[in-house]
Amino acid sequence: MASQTKNRAWSWWYLLFVVQILVALWPPLYNQADPHLFGVPFFYWFQLAWILVCAVLTGVVYFVTDK
């Protein structure tokens, strides 16, 4: 029996992964204390929020490129 393989060609949607990595690797973007959110400095809550954003972007890429 021949196994069926999915075509995993490169897509422009994969550039969302590059955005995720570049934001995480560019600390001057979020290296500040203000504004505070519930007493938590921006540096910390931005990183935690970015985890959720990255999860959503990864889900978008997965579902859009899934054939």
C-alpha atoms as a PDB file:
ATOM      1  CA  MET A   1       0.000   0.000   0.000  1.00  0.00           C
ATOM      2  CA  ALA A   2       1.239   3.443  -0.854  1.00  0.00           C
ATOM      3  CA  SER A   3       1.260   5.852   2.010  1.00  0.00           C
ATOM      4  CA  GLN A   4      -0.242   9.247   1.416  1.00  0.00           C
ATOM      5  CA  THR A   5       1.916  12.214   2.315  1.00  0.00           C
ATOM      6  CA  LYS A   6       0.791  15.776   2.735  1.00  0.00           C
ATOM      7  CA  ASN A   7       2.369  18.481   0.654  1.00  0.00           C
ATOM      8  CA  ARG A   8       4.257  20.700   3.123  1.00  0.00           C
ATOM      9  CA  ALA A   9       5.297  23.470   0.760  1.00  0.00           C
ATOM     10  CA  TRP A  10       6.549  26.783   2.122  1.00  0.00           C
ATOM     11  CA  SER A  11       3.860  29.359   2.786  1.00  0.00           C
ATOM     12  CA  TRP A  12       3.842  33.080   3.574  1.00  0.00           C
ATOM     13  CA  TRP A  13       1.976  32.222   6.774  1.00  0.00           C
ATOM     14  CA  TYR A  14       5.224  30.876   8.223  1.00  0.00           C
ATOM     15  CA  LEU A  15       6.499  34.459   8.476  1.00  0.00           C
ATOM     16  CA  LEU A  16       4.298  34.790  11.570  1.00  0.00           C
ATOM     17  CA  PHE A  17       6.852  32.559  13.309  1.00  0.00           C
ATOM     18  CA  VAL A  18       9.585  35.029  12.390  1.00  0.00           C
ATOM     19  CA  VAL A  19       7.562  37.861  13.942  1.00  0.00           C
ATOM     20  CA  GLN A  20       7.202  35.877  17.152  1.00  0.00           C
ATOM     21  CA  ILE A  21      10.922  35.237  17.390  1.00  0.00           C
ATOM     22  CA  LEU A  22      11.978  38.777  16.498  1.00  0.00           C
ATOM     23  CA  VAL A  23       9.761  40.371  19.137  1.00  0.00           C
ATOM     24  CA  ALA A  24      11.003  37.966  21.802  1.00  0.00           C
ATOM     25  CA  LEU A  25      14.651  38.555  20.858  1.00  0.00           C
ATOM     26  CA  TRP A  26      14.401  42.359  20.820  1.00  0.00           C
ATOM     27  CA  PRO A  27      14.303  43.347  24.530  1.00  0.00           C
ATOM     28  CA  PRO A  28      14.538  47.135  23.944  1.00  0.00           C
ATOM     29  CA  LEU A  29      10.945  46.844  22.750  1.00  0.00           C
ATOM     30  CA  TYR A  30       9.693  45.813  26.198  1.00  0.00           C
ATOM     31  CA  ASN A  31      12.563  46.709  28.566  1.00  0.00           C
ATOM     32  CA  GLN A  32      10.692  49.228  30.698  1.00  0.00           C
ATOM     33  CA  ALA A  33       8.775  49.325  33.946  1.00  0.00           C
ATOM     34  CA  ASP A  34       5.868  51.538  32.929  1.00  0.00           C
ATOM     35  CA  PRO A  35       2.967  51.066  32.394  1.00  0.00           C
ATOM     36  CA  HIS A  36       2.048  48.812  35.287  1.00  0.00           C
ATOM     37  CA  LEU A  37      -0.858  46.401  35.017  1.00  0.00           C
ATOM     38  CA  PHE A  38      -2.290  45.385  38.402  1.00  0.00           C
ATOM     39  CA  GLY A  39       1.020  46.352  39.976  1.00  0.00           C
ATOM     40  CA  VAL A  40       3.074  44.212  37.576  1.00  0.00           C
ATOM     41  CA  PRO A  41       5.723  46.065  35.536  1.00  0.00           C
ATOM     42  CA  PHE A  42       5.380  46.132  31.766  1.00  0.00           C
ATOM     43  CA  PHE A  43       8.475  43.949  31.274  1.00  0.00           C
ATOM     44  CA  TYR A  44       6.782  40.988  32.973  1.00  0.00           C
ATOM     45  CA  TRP A  45       3.200  41.282  31.819  1.00  0.00           C
ATOM     46  CA  PHE A  46       4.256  41.880  28.201  1.00  0.00           C
ATOM     47  CA  GLN A  47       6.213  38.622  28.182  1.00  0.00           C
ATOM     48  CA  LEU A  48       3.277  36.721  29.668  1.00  0.00           C
ATOM     49  CA  ALA A  49       0.867  38.302  27.185  1.00  0.00           C
ATOM     50  CA  TRP A  50       3.275  37.501  24.360  1.00  0.00           C
ATOM     51  CA  ILE A  51       3.055  33.806  25.254  1.00  0.00           C
ATOM     52  CA  LEU A  52      -0.694  33.933  24.616  1.00  0.00           C
ATOM     53  CA  VAL A  53      -0.241  35.908  21.391  1.00  0.00           C
ATOM     54  CA  CYS A  54       2.333  33.375  20.164  1.00  0.00           C
ATOM     55  CA  ALA A  55      -0.011  30.497  20.958  1.00  0.00           C
ATOM     56  CA  VAL A  56      -2.778  32.135  18.926  1.00  0.00           C
ATOM     57  CA  LEU A  57      -0.439  32.911  16.013  1.00  0.00           C
ATOM     58  CA  THR A  58       0.873  29.345  16.038  1.00  0.00           C
ATOM     59  CA  GLY A  59      -2.707  28.066  15.958  1.00  0.00           C
ATOM     60  CA  VAL A  60      -3.516  30.334  13.029  1.00  0.00           C
ATOM     61  CA  VAL A  61      -0.507  29.077  11.081  1.00  0.00           C
ATOM     62  CA  TYR A  62      -1.384  25.469  11.890  1.00  0.00           C
ATOM     63  CA  PHE A  63      -4.996  25.700  10.774  1.00  0.00           C
ATOM     64  CA  VAL A  64      -4.337  27.834   7.691  1.00  0.00           C
ATOM     65  CA  THR A  65      -1.499  25.679   6.371  1.00  0.00           C
ATOM     66  CA  ASP A  66      -3.096  22.350   7.290  1.00  0.00           C
ATOM     67  CA  LYS A  67      -4.162  20.695   4.077  1.00  0.00           C
END
